[in-house]
Amino acid sequence: MSINSKRIKKEKIHAADERELVFPLSKPLECVCAHCYKLNTNLHGPSRGWQVAFYSQNEEDTLETPGAYRMKVLCKHCGKHFYIVWDEDPT
């Protein structure tokens, strides 16, 4: 196995002030889509993402009341984007 294939994959999360935070993948999250309400599994988020309370929002709700941290996700069922949102730092 090459060194490049051993690199830890990184995902992006946005703080409320639009800073882009990068973090190593952690335990997968399960979250319901804000559009079709179907469960999306095996979503990788920040290291403490599954330990800190989170919820899903559509884009309109995120613009109205953004959480402190959010991650854009593509629903595996309906194909629309929604956000996983944390009010506390999940990294």
N, C-alpha and C. Protein backbone atom coordinates (compact mmCIF):
# COMPACT_ATOMS: atom_id res chain seq x y z
N MET A 1 0.85 -1.17 0.00
CA MET A 1 0.00 0.00 0.00
C MET A 1 0.89 1.24 0.00
N SER A 2 0.61 2.19 -0.87
CA SER A 2 1.44 3.39 -0.97
C SER A 2 1.12 4.36 0.16
N ILE A 3 2.01 5.28 0.37
CA ILE A 3 1.82 6.29 1.42
C ILE A 3 0.57 7.11 1.11
N ASN A 4 0.35 7.45 -0.17
CA ASN A 4 -0.82 8.26 -0.53
C ASN A 4 -2.13 7.57 -0.21
N SER A 5 -2.19 6.26 -0.39
CA SER A 5 -3.43 5.55 -0.11
C SER A 5 -3.68 5.42 1.39
N LYS A 6 -2.67 5.66 2.22
CA LYS A 6 -2.83 5.59 3.67
C LYS A 6 -3.23 6.94 4.27
N ARG A 7 -3.22 7.99 3.45
CA ARG A 7 -3.57 9.30 3.98
C ARG A 7 -4.98 9.29 4.53
N ILE A 8 -5.18 10.03 5.60
CA ILE A 8 -6.51 10.14 6.19
C ILE A 8 -7.34 11.05 5.30
N LYS A 9 -8.51 10.57 4.92
CA LYS A 9 -9.40 11.39 4.11
C LYS A 9 -9.91 12.54 4.96
N LYS A 10 -10.16 13.66 4.33
CA LYS A 10 -10.64 14.83 5.04
C LYS A 10 -11.95 15.30 4.42
N GLU A 11 -12.83 15.80 5.24
CA GLU A 11 -14.10 16.36 4.80
C GLU A 11 -14.12 17.82 5.19
N LYS A 12 -15.09 18.55 4.64
CA LYS A 12 -15.18 19.98 4.92
C LYS A 12 -16.41 20.28 5.73
N ILE A 13 -16.27 21.21 6.64
CA ILE A 13 -17.40 21.69 7.44
C ILE A 13 -17.27 23.20 7.48
N HIS A 14 -18.39 23.88 7.50
CA HIS A 14 -18.37 25.34 7.51
C HIS A 14 -18.84 25.86 8.86
N ALA A 15 -18.07 26.78 9.40
CA ALA A 15 -18.50 27.48 10.60
C ALA A 15 -19.49 28.54 10.15
N ALA A 16 -20.25 29.10 11.07
CA ALA A 16 -21.28 30.07 10.72
C ALA A 16 -20.71 31.28 9.99
N ASP A 17 -19.47 31.61 10.24
CA ASP A 17 -18.87 32.77 9.57
C ASP A 17 -18.22 32.38 8.24
N GLU A 18 -18.59 31.20 7.70
CA GLU A 18 -18.15 30.71 6.39
C GLU A 18 -16.69 30.27 6.33
N ARG A 19 -16.01 30.19 7.48
CA ARG A 19 -14.67 29.61 7.45
C ARG A 19 -14.80 28.14 7.14
N GLU A 20 -13.91 27.62 6.35
CA GLU A 20 -13.96 26.20 6.02
C GLU A 20 -13.02 25.45 6.95
N LEU A 21 -13.57 24.52 7.69
CA LEU A 21 -12.78 23.72 8.61
C LEU A 21 -12.60 22.34 8.02
N VAL A 22 -11.42 21.78 8.13
CA VAL A 22 -11.15 20.44 7.60
C VAL A 22 -10.82 19.53 8.76
N PHE A 23 -11.34 18.32 8.73
CA PHE A 23 -11.14 17.41 9.84
C PHE A 23 -11.02 15.99 9.34
N PRO A 24 -10.34 15.12 10.10
CA PRO A 24 -10.27 13.71 9.72
C PRO A 24 -11.62 13.03 9.92
N LEU A 25 -11.88 12.02 9.15
CA LEU A 25 -13.15 11.30 9.25
C LEU A 25 -13.25 10.57 10.58
N SER A 26 -14.47 10.40 11.03
CA SER A 26 -14.69 9.73 12.31
C SER A 26 -15.79 8.69 12.15
N LYS A 27 -16.39 8.34 13.26
CA LYS A 27 -17.51 7.40 13.25
C LYS A 27 -18.63 7.95 12.36
N PRO A 28 -19.18 7.12 11.48
CA PRO A 28 -20.23 7.61 10.57
C PRO A 28 -21.48 8.09 11.31
N LEU A 29 -22.12 9.09 10.73
CA LEU A 29 -23.36 9.64 11.27
C LEU A 29 -24.55 9.05 10.54
N GLU A 30 -25.70 9.12 11.16
CA GLU A 30 -26.97 8.80 10.52
C GLU A 30 -27.85 10.02 10.71
N CYS A 31 -28.42 10.52 9.61
CA CYS A 31 -29.22 11.72 9.70
C CYS A 31 -30.37 11.66 8.70
N VAL A 32 -31.52 12.18 9.09
CA VAL A 32 -32.70 12.20 8.23
C VAL A 32 -32.62 13.40 7.29
N CYS A 33 -32.95 13.18 6.02
CA CYS A 33 -32.95 14.25 5.03
C CYS A 33 -34.01 15.28 5.40
N ALA A 34 -33.69 16.55 5.23
CA ALA A 34 -34.62 17.63 5.54
C ALA A 34 -35.70 17.77 4.47
N HIS A 35 -35.56 17.07 3.35
CA HIS A 35 -36.54 17.16 2.26
C HIS A 35 -37.47 15.95 2.23
N CYS A 36 -36.92 14.75 2.13
CA CYS A 36 -37.74 13.54 1.98
C CYS A 36 -37.91 12.77 3.29
N TYR A 37 -37.19 13.17 4.34
CA TYR A 37 -37.28 12.57 5.68
C TYR A 37 -36.85 11.10 5.73
N LYS A 38 -36.04 10.68 4.74
CA LYS A 38 -35.52 9.32 4.77
C LYS A 38 -34.15 9.33 5.43
N LEU A 39 -33.80 8.23 6.06
CA LEU A 39 -32.55 8.12 6.81
C LEU A 39 -31.37 7.94 5.86
N ASN A 40 -30.36 8.78 6.03
CA ASN A 40 -29.10 8.66 5.30
C ASN A 40 -28.07 8.13 6.28
N THR A 41 -27.42 7.04 5.92
CA THR A 41 -26.46 6.40 6.81
C THR A 41 -25.06 6.51 6.24
N ASN A 42 -24.09 6.17 7.07
CA ASN A 42 -22.68 6.15 6.68
C ASN A 42 -22.19 7.52 6.21
N LEU A 43 -22.64 8.58 6.88
CA LEU A 43 -22.19 9.94 6.58
C LEU A 43 -21.01 10.26 7.48
N HIS A 44 -19.92 10.66 6.91
CA HIS A 44 -18.73 10.96 7.70
C HIS A 44 -18.68 12.43 8.03
N GLY A 45 -18.45 12.70 9.30
CA GLY A 45 -18.41 14.07 9.79
C GLY A 45 -17.21 14.30 10.68
N PRO A 46 -17.24 15.38 11.43
CA PRO A 46 -16.13 15.70 12.31
C PRO A 46 -15.95 14.67 13.42
N SER A 47 -14.79 14.68 14.04
CA SER A 47 -14.41 13.64 14.99
C SER A 47 -15.41 13.47 16.13
N ARG A 48 -15.99 14.54 16.63
CA ARG A 48 -16.97 14.44 17.71
C ARG A 48 -18.39 14.65 17.20
N GLY A 49 -18.58 14.60 15.90
CA GLY A 49 -19.88 14.90 15.30
C GLY A 49 -21.01 14.06 15.83
N TRP A 50 -20.75 12.81 16.09
CA TRP A 50 -21.80 11.91 16.59
C TRP A 50 -22.03 12.05 18.08
N GLN A 51 -21.11 12.73 18.79
CA GLN A 51 -21.24 12.91 20.24
C GLN A 51 -21.94 14.22 20.60
N VAL A 52 -21.92 15.16 19.67
CA VAL A 52 -22.54 16.47 19.89
C VAL A 52 -23.90 16.46 19.20
N ALA A 53 -24.91 17.03 19.85
CA ALA A 53 -26.26 17.04 19.27
C ALA A 53 -26.24 17.71 17.89
N PHE A 54 -26.92 17.08 16.93
CA PHE A 54 -27.00 17.63 15.58
C PHE A 54 -28.40 17.44 15.02
N TYR A 55 -28.71 18.16 13.96
CA TYR A 55 -30.01 18.07 13.31
C TYR A 55 -29.83 18.41 11.84
N SER A 56 -30.86 18.15 11.04
CA SER A 56 -30.76 18.46 9.61
C SER A 56 -31.64 19.66 9.28
N GLN A 57 -31.20 20.41 8.26
CA GLN A 57 -31.94 21.57 7.79
C GLN A 57 -31.86 21.63 6.27
N ASN A 58 -32.89 22.20 5.65
CA ASN A 58 -32.77 22.49 4.23
C ASN A 58 -32.07 23.84 4.08
N GLU A 59 -31.79 24.24 2.85
CA GLU A 59 -31.00 25.45 2.63
C GLU A 59 -31.72 26.70 3.14
N GLU A 60 -33.04 26.79 2.94
CA GLU A 60 -33.80 27.95 3.40
C GLU A 60 -33.72 28.11 4.92
N ASP A 61 -33.89 27.00 5.64
CA ASP A 61 -33.81 27.06 7.10
C ASP A 61 -32.41 27.43 7.57
N THR A 62 -31.40 26.94 6.85
CA THR A 62 -30.02 27.24 7.22
C THR A 62 -29.72 28.72 7.03
N LEU A 63 -30.31 29.34 6.01
CA LEU A 63 -30.10 30.77 5.79
C LEU A 63 -30.80 31.59 6.87
N GLU A 64 -31.97 31.13 7.31
CA GLU A 64 -32.72 31.85 8.35
C GLU A 64 -32.10 31.70 9.72
N THR A 65 -31.80 30.48 10.12
CA THR A 65 -31.27 30.21 11.46
C THR A 65 -30.10 29.23 11.35
N PRO A 66 -28.94 29.73 10.93
CA PRO A 66 -27.80 28.82 10.79
C PRO A 66 -27.27 28.40 12.15
N GLY A 67 -26.87 27.15 12.24
CA GLY A 67 -26.21 26.68 13.45
C GLY A 67 -24.78 27.19 13.45
N ALA A 68 -24.07 26.91 14.49
CA ALA A 68 -22.68 27.36 14.58
C ALA A 68 -21.79 26.65 13.56
N TYR A 69 -22.09 25.39 13.26
CA TYR A 69 -21.31 24.59 12.32
C TYR A 69 -22.27 23.80 11.45
N ARG A 70 -21.93 23.66 10.17
CA ARG A 70 -22.80 22.90 9.29
C ARG A 70 -22.00 22.18 8.22
N MET A 71 -22.56 21.10 7.72
CA MET A 71 -21.92 20.30 6.68
C MET A 71 -22.98 19.97 5.63
N LYS A 72 -22.68 20.26 4.38
CA LYS A 72 -23.61 20.00 3.28
C LYS A 72 -23.55 18.53 2.91
N VAL A 73 -24.72 17.92 2.72
CA VAL A 73 -24.84 16.50 2.42
C VAL A 73 -25.78 16.31 1.24
N LEU A 74 -25.49 15.34 0.39
CA LEU A 74 -26.37 14.97 -0.71
C LEU A 74 -27.18 13.75 -0.29
N CYS A 75 -28.50 13.87 -0.32
CA CYS A 75 -29.37 12.76 0.08
C CYS A 75 -29.26 11.61 -0.92
N LYS A 76 -29.09 10.42 -0.41
CA LYS A 76 -28.96 9.23 -1.25
C LYS A 76 -30.30 8.81 -1.85
N HIS A 77 -31.39 9.34 -1.31
CA HIS A 77 -32.72 8.92 -1.73
C HIS A 77 -33.36 9.90 -2.73
N CYS A 78 -33.39 11.20 -2.38
CA CYS A 78 -34.07 12.17 -3.26
C CYS A 78 -33.10 12.98 -4.12
N GLY A 79 -31.80 12.92 -3.81
CA GLY A 79 -30.81 13.63 -4.62
C GLY A 79 -30.70 15.12 -4.33
N LYS A 80 -31.35 15.60 -3.27
CA LYS A 80 -31.27 17.02 -2.91
C LYS A 80 -30.24 17.20 -1.81
N HIS A 81 -29.68 18.41 -1.76
CA HIS A 81 -28.72 18.73 -0.70
C HIS A 81 -29.47 19.19 0.55
N PHE A 82 -28.93 18.80 1.69
CA PHE A 82 -29.41 19.30 2.97
C PHE A 82 -28.18 19.49 3.85
N TYR A 83 -28.37 20.06 5.02
CA TYR A 83 -27.26 20.35 5.92
C TYR A 83 -27.41 19.60 7.23
N ILE A 84 -26.30 19.07 7.72
CA ILE A 84 -26.21 18.58 9.09
C ILE A 84 -25.67 19.74 9.89
N VAL A 85 -26.34 20.08 10.97
CA VAL A 85 -26.02 21.30 11.72
C VAL A 85 -25.73 20.98 13.18
N TRP A 86 -24.69 21.62 13.70
CA TRP A 86 -24.32 21.51 15.11
C TRP A 86 -24.34 22.91 15.70
N ASP A 87 -24.84 23.05 16.92
CA ASP A 87 -24.80 24.34 17.61
C ASP A 87 -23.54 24.48 18.44
N GLU A 88 -22.88 23.35 18.73
CA GLU A 88 -21.61 23.35 19.45
C GLU A 88 -20.53 22.79 18.54
N ASP A 89 -19.29 23.10 18.85
CA ASP A 89 -18.15 22.66 18.04
C ASP A 89 -18.04 21.14 18.02
N PRO A 90 -18.19 20.52 16.83
CA PRO A 90 -18.13 19.06 16.75
C PRO A 90 -16.74 18.51 16.42
N THR A 91 -15.74 19.38 16.34
CA THR A 91 -14.40 18.91 15.94
C THR A 91 -13.57 18.50 17.12
